[in-house]
Amino acid sequence: MSNLARNPKQIGNLIRQARKERSLSQAQLGEKTGLRQATISQIETGNPAATMETILAVLAVLDLEFRIVRRSKGTAAAIEDIF
């Protein structure tokens, strides 16, 4: 899975997609991360109050990683695909 996220809502959407691909409910993901289901829901809806530590814990359980790369300067059509 190689996707681009530039804001909390996009991060949440990618996390939701990865969770569903693994056939996990929010409650199950919460159990695996030690977080409440409500916290998982907030992350998936793009609540910007989630801490980096919390996001990284969720990514680890989903077998995903966080990368920092230079911002791409693609075409308008490619950028629209992100949203």
Protein backbone atom coordinates (compact mmCIF):
# COMPACT_ATOMS: atom_id res chain seq x y z
CA MET A 1 0.00 0.00 0.00
CA SER A 2 1.63 3.23 -1.12
CA ASN A 3 -0.56 6.27 -0.58
CA LEU A 4 -0.05 9.92 0.07
CA ALA A 5 -1.55 11.79 3.00
CA ARG A 6 -1.11 15.47 3.67
CA ASN A 7 -3.62 16.12 6.43
CA PRO A 8 -5.27 14.29 9.36
CA LYS A 9 -8.38 13.39 7.36
CA GLN A 10 -6.32 11.71 4.64
CA ILE A 11 -4.27 9.85 7.28
CA GLY A 12 -7.51 8.67 8.87
CA ASN A 13 -8.88 7.48 5.53
CA LEU A 14 -5.73 5.46 4.86
CA ILE A 15 -5.85 3.93 8.33
CA ARG A 16 -9.53 3.01 7.86
CA GLN A 17 -8.75 1.45 4.49
CA ALA A 18 -5.87 -0.60 5.95
CA ARG A 19 -8.00 -1.71 8.91
CA LYS A 20 -10.80 -2.89 6.62
CA GLU A 21 -8.33 -4.69 4.31
CA ARG A 22 -7.29 -6.68 7.38
CA SER A 23 -10.94 -7.37 8.29
CA LEU A 24 -10.59 -5.67 11.67
CA SER A 25 -13.32 -3.74 13.42
CA GLN A 26 -12.46 -0.51 15.19
CA ALA A 27 -12.90 -2.35 18.50
CA GLN A 28 -10.49 -5.10 17.43
CA LEU A 29 -7.89 -2.57 16.31
CA GLY A 30 -8.38 -0.76 19.61
CA GLU A 31 -7.71 -3.99 21.54
CA LYS A 32 -4.53 -4.66 19.58
CA THR A 33 -3.25 -1.11 20.16
CA GLY A 34 -4.48 -0.71 23.73
CA LEU A 35 -6.72 2.16 22.63
CA ARG A 36 -10.44 2.69 22.99
CA GLN A 37 -12.67 2.12 19.98
CA ALA A 38 -13.68 5.79 20.22
CA THR A 39 -10.03 6.80 19.77
CA ILE A 40 -9.75 4.68 16.63
CA SER A 41 -12.93 6.33 15.34
CA GLN A 42 -11.52 9.80 16.00
CA ILE A 43 -8.29 8.96 14.16
CA GLU A 44 -10.22 7.59 11.18
CA THR A 45 -12.37 10.72 10.95
CA GLY A 46 -9.28 12.93 10.93
CA ASN A 47 -9.42 14.38 14.43
CA PRO A 48 -6.19 16.43 14.59
CA ALA A 49 -5.88 15.92 18.36
CA ALA A 50 -4.42 12.40 17.97
CA THR A 51 -0.84 12.27 19.18
CA MET A 52 2.03 11.07 17.03
CA GLU A 53 2.58 8.23 19.51
CA THR A 54 -1.02 7.08 19.06
CA ILE A 55 -0.83 7.24 15.27
CA LEU A 56 2.45 5.31 15.26
CA ALA A 57 0.95 2.62 17.52
CA VAL A 58 -1.95 2.16 15.10
CA LEU A 59 0.37 2.06 12.10
CA ALA A 60 2.55 -0.58 13.79
CA VAL A 61 -0.42 -2.87 14.44
CA LEU A 62 -1.54 -2.45 10.83
CA ASP A 63 2.01 -3.24 9.65
CA LEU A 64 2.37 0.20 8.06
CA GLU A 65 5.16 2.74 8.32
CA PHE A 66 5.42 6.49 8.44
CA ARG A 67 7.76 8.11 5.90
CA ILE A 68 8.77 11.67 5.30
CA VAL A 69 9.60 12.58 1.72
CA ARG A 70 9.79 15.73 -0.32
CA ARG A 71 6.41 17.04 -1.37
CA SER A 72 5.60 16.01 -4.91
CA LYS A 73 4.61 18.57 -7.49
CA GLY A 74 2.40 16.44 -9.69
CA THR A 75 -0.26 17.51 -12.11
CA ALA A 76 -3.59 18.86 -10.92
CA ALA A 77 -5.28 15.61 -11.98
CA ALA A 78 -2.84 13.52 -9.92
CA ILE A 79 -3.38 15.71 -6.88
CA GLU A 80 -7.15 15.37 -7.27
CA ASP A 81 -6.72 11.59 -7.03
CA ILE A 82 -5.43 12.07 -3.46
CA PHE A 83 -8.78 13.45 -2.38
